[in-house]
Amino acid sequence: MPEEKLEKIFERFYRCDEARQEQGSGVGLYVVRYIMERHHGTVKAENDGGLKVSLYFPLSG
């Protein structure tokens, strides 16, 4: 995945690969980020031999 697309994949309705046969709405990773932020967590995407999405959950005391 190109680096310039990594910044956009968490945007609402963003579809990275327009050439795919399957249709999607482009809200999947947006919803993931929304839920993680509501629970005070974070989500990060990076290239690591392919797309890698990491979820970071807060530690509760």
PDB file of N, CA and C in Angstrom:
ATOM      1  N   MET A   1       0.843  -1.170   0.000  1.00  0.00           N
ATOM      2  CA  MET A   1       0.000   0.000   0.000  1.00  0.00           C
ATOM      3  C   MET A   1       0.892   1.238   0.000  1.00  0.00           C
ATOM      4  N   PRO A   2       0.658   2.149  -0.901  1.00  0.00           N
ATOM      5  CA  PRO A   2       1.457   3.378  -0.938  1.00  0.00           C
ATOM      6  C   PRO A   2       1.295   4.198   0.339  1.00  0.00           C
ATOM      7  N   GLU A   3       2.380   4.818   0.768  1.00  0.00           N
ATOM      8  CA  GLU A   3       2.374   5.610   1.999  1.00  0.00           C
ATOM      9  C   GLU A   3       1.316   6.711   1.991  1.00  0.00           C
ATOM     10  N   GLU A   4       1.095   7.333   0.838  1.00  0.00           N
ATOM     11  CA  GLU A   4       0.118   8.428   0.777  1.00  0.00           C
ATOM     12  C   GLU A   4      -1.315   7.931   1.018  1.00  0.00           C
ATOM     13  N   LYS A   5      -1.574   6.664   0.771  1.00  0.00           N
ATOM     14  CA  LYS A   5      -2.905   6.114   1.028  1.00  0.00           C
ATOM     15  C   LYS A   5      -3.086   5.727   2.488  1.00  0.00           C
ATOM     16  N   LEU A   6      -2.003   5.453   3.196  1.00  0.00           N
ATOM     17  CA  LEU A   6      -2.108   5.089   4.608  1.00  0.00           C
ATOM     18  C   LEU A   6      -2.769   6.183   5.431  1.00  0.00           C
ATOM     19  N   GLU A   7      -2.518   7.424   5.075  1.00  0.00           N
ATOM     20  CA  GLU A   7      -3.100   8.552   5.802  1.00  0.00           C
ATOM     21  C   GLU A   7      -4.615   8.611   5.628  1.00  0.00           C
ATOM     22  N   LYS A   8      -5.125   8.049   4.525  1.00  0.00           N
ATOM     23  CA  LYS A   8      -6.528   8.209   4.177  1.00  0.00           C
ATOM     24  C   LYS A   8      -7.413   7.020   4.527  1.00  0.00           C
ATOM     25  N   ILE A   9      -6.839   5.862   4.842  1.00  0.00           N
ATOM     26  CA  ILE A   9      -7.669   4.661   4.956  1.00  0.00           C
ATOM     27  C   ILE A   9      -8.649   4.680   6.122  1.00  0.00           C
ATOM     28  N   PHE A  10      -8.454   5.592   7.070  1.00  0.00           N
ATOM     29  CA  PHE A  10      -9.389   5.702   8.186  1.00  0.00           C
ATOM     30  C   PHE A  10     -10.450   6.770   7.949  1.00  0.00           C
ATOM     31  N   GLU A  11     -10.454   7.377   6.767  1.00  0.00           N
ATOM     32  CA  GLU A  11     -11.467   8.380   6.439  1.00  0.00           C
ATOM     33  C   GLU A  11     -12.766   7.695   6.047  1.00  0.00           C
ATOM     34  N   ARG A  12     -13.859   8.332   6.375  1.00  0.00           N
ATOM     35  CA  ARG A  12     -15.178   7.797   6.054  1.00  0.00           C
ATOM     36  C   ARG A  12     -15.364   7.721   4.537  1.00  0.00           C
ATOM     37  N   PHE A  13     -15.827   6.593   4.055  1.00  0.00           N
ATOM     38  CA  PHE A  13     -16.140   6.307   2.653  1.00  0.00           C
ATOM     39  C   PHE A  13     -14.913   6.208   1.747  1.00  0.00           C
ATOM     40  N   TYR A  14     -13.702   6.168   2.318  1.00  0.00           N
ATOM     41  CA  TYR A  14     -12.508   6.048   1.483  1.00  0.00           C
ATOM     42  C   TYR A  14     -12.342   4.607   1.021  1.00  0.00           C
ATOM     43  N   ARG A  15     -12.144   4.440  -0.283  1.00  0.00           N
ATOM     44  CA  ARG A  15     -11.886   3.122  -0.864  1.00  0.00           C
ATOM     45  C   ARG A  15     -10.531   3.171  -1.524  1.00  0.00           C
ATOM     46  N   CYS A  16      -9.643   2.356  -1.055  1.00  0.00           N
ATOM     47  CA  CYS A  16      -8.254   2.396  -1.491  1.00  0.00           C
ATOM     48  C   CYS A  16      -8.054   1.799  -2.876  1.00  0.00           C
ATOM     49  N   ASP A  17      -8.678   0.676  -3.143  1.00  0.00           N
ATOM     50  CA  ASP A  17      -8.437  -0.052  -4.393  1.00  0.00           C
ATOM     51  C   ASP A  17      -9.699  -0.058  -5.239  1.00  0.00           C
ATOM     52  N   GLU A  18      -9.772   0.862  -6.179  1.00  0.00           N
ATOM     53  CA  GLU A  18     -10.957   0.984  -7.031  1.00  0.00           C
ATOM     54  C   GLU A  18     -11.079  -0.163  -8.025  1.00  0.00           C
ATOM     55  N   ALA A  19     -10.023  -0.945  -8.224  1.00  0.00           N
ATOM     56  CA  ALA A  19     -10.028  -2.021  -9.205  1.00  0.00           C
ATOM     57  C   ALA A  19     -10.610  -3.323  -8.658  1.00  0.00           C
ATOM     58  N   ARG A  20     -10.946  -3.370  -7.385  1.00  0.00           N
ATOM     59  CA  ARG A  20     -11.472  -4.602  -6.782  1.00  0.00           C
ATOM     60  C   ARG A  20     -12.823  -4.961  -7.368  1.00  0.00           C
ATOM     61  N   GLN A  21     -13.068  -6.248  -7.480  1.00  0.00           N
ATOM     62  CA  GLN A  21     -14.345  -6.740  -8.003  1.00  0.00           C
ATOM     63  C   GLN A  21     -15.475  -6.567  -6.986  1.00  0.00           C
ATOM     64  N   GLU A  22     -15.160  -6.770  -5.714  1.00  0.00           N
ATOM     65  CA  GLU A  22     -16.182  -6.683  -4.679  1.00  0.00           C
ATOM     66  C   GLU A  22     -16.445  -5.232  -4.322  1.00  0.00           C
ATOM     67  N   GLN A  23     -17.696  -4.926  -4.129  1.00  0.00           N
ATOM     68  CA  GLN A  23     -18.072  -3.568  -3.762  1.00  0.00           C
ATOM     69  C   GLN A  23     -18.122  -3.442  -2.245  1.00  0.00           C
ATOM     70  N   GLY A  24     -17.677  -2.328  -1.744  1.00  0.00           N
ATOM     71  CA  GLY A  24     -17.740  -2.053  -0.317  1.00  0.00           C
ATOM     72  C   GLY A  24     -18.109  -0.602  -0.112  1.00  0.00           C
ATOM     73  N   SER A  25     -18.474  -0.270   1.094  1.00  0.00           N
ATOM     74  CA  SER A  25     -18.910   1.096   1.370  1.00  0.00           C
ATOM     75  C   SER A  25     -17.765   2.009   1.775  1.00  0.00           C
ATOM     76  N   GLY A  26     -16.628   1.431   2.197  1.00  0.00           N
ATOM     77  CA  GLY A  26     -15.505   2.249   2.616  1.00  0.00           C
ATOM     78  C   GLY A  26     -15.627   2.787   4.026  1.00  0.00           C
ATOM     79  N   VAL A  27     -16.423   2.132   4.864  1.00  0.00           N
ATOM     80  CA  VAL A  27     -16.576   2.613   6.235  1.00  0.00           C
ATOM     81  C   VAL A  27     -15.930   1.701   7.274  1.00  0.00           C
ATOM     82  N   GLY A  28     -15.406   0.555   6.886  1.00  0.00           N
ATOM     83  CA  GLY A  28     -14.887  -0.423   7.832  1.00  0.00           C
ATOM     84  C   GLY A  28     -13.831   0.112   8.776  1.00  0.00           C
ATOM     85  N   LEU A  29     -12.723   0.637   8.261  1.00  0.00           N
ATOM     86  CA  LEU A  29     -11.666   1.137   9.128  1.00  0.00           C
ATOM     87  C   LEU A  29     -12.045   2.449   9.803  1.00  0.00           C
ATOM     88  N   TYR A  30     -12.948   3.200   9.203  1.00  0.00           N
ATOM     89  CA  TYR A  30     -13.464   4.400   9.852  1.00  0.00           C
ATOM     90  C   TYR A  30     -14.188   4.010  11.138  1.00  0.00           C
ATOM     91  N   VAL A  31     -14.999   2.957  11.073  1.00  0.00           N
ATOM     92  CA  VAL A  31     -15.738   2.485  12.243  1.00  0.00           C
ATOM     93  C   VAL A  31     -14.772   1.959  13.302  1.00  0.00           C
ATOM     94  N   VAL A  32     -13.736   1.246  12.876  1.00  0.00           N
ATOM     95  CA  VAL A  32     -12.726   0.747  13.814  1.00  0.00           C
ATOM     96  C   VAL A  32     -12.105   1.915  14.575  1.00  0.00           C
ATOM     97  N   ARG A  33     -11.672   2.939  13.847  1.00  0.00           N
ATOM     98  CA  ARG A  33     -11.060   4.097  14.504  1.00  0.00           C
ATOM     99  C   ARG A  33     -12.056   4.795  15.436  1.00  0.00           C
ATOM    100  N   TYR A  34     -13.292   4.945  15.003  1.00  0.00           N
ATOM    101  CA  TYR A  34     -14.326   5.589  15.814  1.00  0.00           C
ATOM    102  C   TYR A  34     -14.504   4.854  17.144  1.00  0.00           C
ATOM    103  N   ILE A  35     -14.642   3.547  17.091  1.00  0.00           N
ATOM    104  CA  ILE A  35     -14.825   2.753  18.303  1.00  0.00           C
ATOM    105  C   ILE A  35     -13.602   2.825  19.199  1.00  0.00           C
ATOM    106  N   MET A  36     -12.414   2.706  18.607  1.00  0.00           N
ATOM    107  CA  MET A  36     -11.184   2.753  19.401  1.00  0.00           C
ATOM    108  C   MET A  36     -11.049   4.099  20.114  1.00  0.00           C
ATOM    109  N   GLU A  37     -11.335   5.193  19.425  1.00  0.00           N
ATOM    110  CA  GLU A  37     -11.226   6.513  20.047  1.00  0.00           C
ATOM    111  C   GLU A  37     -12.247   6.691  21.169  1.00  0.00           C
ATOM    112  N   ARG A  38     -13.449   6.141  21.012  1.00  0.00           N
ATOM    113  CA  ARG A  38     -14.468   6.259  22.060  1.00  0.00           C
ATOM    114  C   ARG A  38     -14.066   5.499  23.318  1.00  0.00           C
ATOM    115  N   HIS A  39     -13.201   4.513  23.150  1.00  0.00           N
ATOM    116  CA  HIS A  39     -12.710   3.729  24.292  1.00  0.00           C
ATOM    117  C   HIS A  39     -11.311   4.175  24.706  1.00  0.00           C
ATOM    118  N   HIS A  40     -10.916   5.364  24.261  1.00  0.00           N
ATOM    119  CA  HIS A  40      -9.629   5.981  24.583  1.00  0.00           C
ATOM    120  C   HIS A  40      -8.435   5.165  24.094  1.00  0.00           C
ATOM    121  N   GLY A  41      -8.624   4.435  23.011  1.00  0.00           N
ATOM    122  CA  GLY A  41      -7.546   3.689  22.389  1.00  0.00           C
ATOM    123  C   GLY A  41      -7.136   4.364  21.096  1.00  0.00           C
ATOM    124  N   THR A  42      -6.195   3.760  20.403  1.00  0.00           N
ATOM    125  CA  THR A  42      -5.749   4.283  19.105  1.00  0.00           C
ATOM    126  C   THR A  42      -5.599   3.129  18.130  1.00  0.00           C
ATOM    127  N   VAL A  43      -5.566   3.479  16.872  1.00  0.00           N
ATOM    128  CA  VAL A  43      -5.346   2.509  15.806  1.00  0.00           C
ATOM    129  C   VAL A  43      -4.309   3.103  14.862  1.00  0.00           C
ATOM    130  N   LYS A  44      -3.431   2.263  14.348  1.00  0.00           N
ATOM    131  CA  LYS A  44      -2.341   2.718  13.495  1.00  0.00           C
ATOM    132  C   LYS A  44      -2.202   1.772  12.312  1.00  0.00           C
ATOM    133  N   ALA A  45      -1.949   2.321  11.129  1.00  0.00           N
ATOM    134  CA  ALA A  45      -1.728   1.516   9.933  1.00  0.00           C
ATOM    135  C   ALA A  45      -0.317   1.774   9.425  1.00  0.00           C
ATOM    136  N   GLU A  46       0.321   0.711   8.926  1.00  0.00           N
ATOM    137  CA  GLU A  46       1.667   0.853   8.377  1.00  0.00           C
ATOM    138  C   GLU A  46       1.924  -0.234   7.342  1.00  0.00           C
ATOM    139  N   ASN A  47       2.925  -0.004   6.521  1.00  0.00           N
ATOM    140  CA  ASN A  47       3.389  -1.018   5.580  1.00  0.00           C
ATOM    141  C   ASN A  47       4.418  -1.881   6.284  1.00  0.00           C
ATOM    142  N   ASP A  48       4.182  -3.170   6.297  1.00  0.00           N
ATOM    143  CA  ASP A  48       5.116  -4.111   6.917  1.00  0.00           C
ATOM    144  C   ASP A  48       5.080  -5.386   6.087  1.00  0.00           C
ATOM    145  N   GLY A  49       5.514  -5.275   4.822  1.00  0.00           N
ATOM    146  CA  GLY A  49       5.380  -6.392   3.897  1.00  0.00           C
ATOM    147  C   GLY A  49       3.926  -6.578   3.478  1.00  0.00           C
ATOM    148  N   GLY A  50       3.143  -5.554   3.611  1.00  0.00           N
ATOM    149  CA  GLY A  50       1.706  -5.542   3.372  1.00  0.00           C
ATOM    150  C   GLY A  50       1.076  -4.635   4.404  1.00  0.00           C
ATOM    151  N   LEU A  51      -0.207  -4.461   4.318  1.00  0.00           N
ATOM    152  CA  LEU A  51      -0.902  -3.585   5.262  1.00  0.00           C
ATOM    153  C   LEU A  51      -0.940  -4.223   6.642  1.00  0.00           C
ATOM    154  N   LYS A  52      -0.534  -3.472   7.643  1.00  0.00           N
ATOM    155  CA  LYS A  52      -0.576  -3.910   9.038  1.00  0.00           C
ATOM    156  C   LYS A  52      -1.367  -2.864   9.815  1.00  0.00           C
ATOM    157  N   VAL A  53      -2.419  -3.300  10.482  1.00  0.00           N
ATOM    158  CA  VAL A  53      -3.238  -2.417  11.295  1.00  0.00           C
ATOM    159  C   VAL A  53      -3.085  -2.869  12.744  1.00  0.00           C
ATOM    160  N   SER A  54      -2.649  -1.942  13.597  1.00  0.00           N
ATOM    161  CA  SER A  54      -2.426  -2.244  15.011  1.00  0.00           C
ATOM    162  C   SER A  54      -3.432  -1.490  15.867  1.00  0.00           C
ATOM    163  N   LEU A  55      -3.995  -2.180  16.848  1.00  0.00           N
ATOM    164  CA  LEU A  55      -4.943  -1.585  17.782  1.00  0.00           C
ATOM    165  C   LEU A  55      -4.259  -1.473  19.136  1.00  0.00           C
ATOM    166  N   TYR A  56      -4.350  -0.296  19.739  1.00  0.00           N
ATOM    167  CA  TYR A  56      -3.741  -0.043  21.039  1.00  0.00           C
ATOM    168  C   TYR A  56      -4.846   0.284  22.034  1.00  0.00           C
ATOM    169  N   PHE A  57      -5.006  -0.590  23.009  1.00  0.00           N
ATOM    170  CA  PHE A  57      -6.043  -0.428  24.025  1.00  0.00           C
ATOM    171  C   PHE A  57      -5.426   0.204  25.274  1.00  0.00           C
ATOM    172  N   PRO A  58      -6.172   1.071  25.933  1.00  0.00           N
ATOM    173  CA  PRO A  58      -5.644   1.696  27.156  1.00  0.00           C
ATOM    174  C   PRO A  58      -5.568   0.669  28.291  1.00  0.00           C
ATOM    175  N   LEU A  59      -4.610   0.873  29.151  1.00  0.00           N
ATOM    176  CA  LEU A  59      -4.505   0.040  30.344  1.00  0.00           C
ATOM    177  C   LEU A  59      -5.423   0.604  31.410  1.00  0.00           C
ATOM    178  N   SER A  60      -6.185  -0.244  32.038  1.00  0.00           N
ATOM    179  CA  SER A  60      -7.063   0.235  33.104  1.00  0.00           C
ATOM    180  C   SER A  60      -6.373   0.007  34.447  1.00  0.00           C
ATOM    181  N   GLY A  61      -6.547   0.950  35.355  1.00  0.00           N
ATOM    182  CA  GLY A  61      -5.841   0.921  36.612  1.00  0.00           C
ATOM    183  C   GLY A  61      -6.599   0.303  37.666  1.00  0.00           C
TER     184      GLY A  61
END
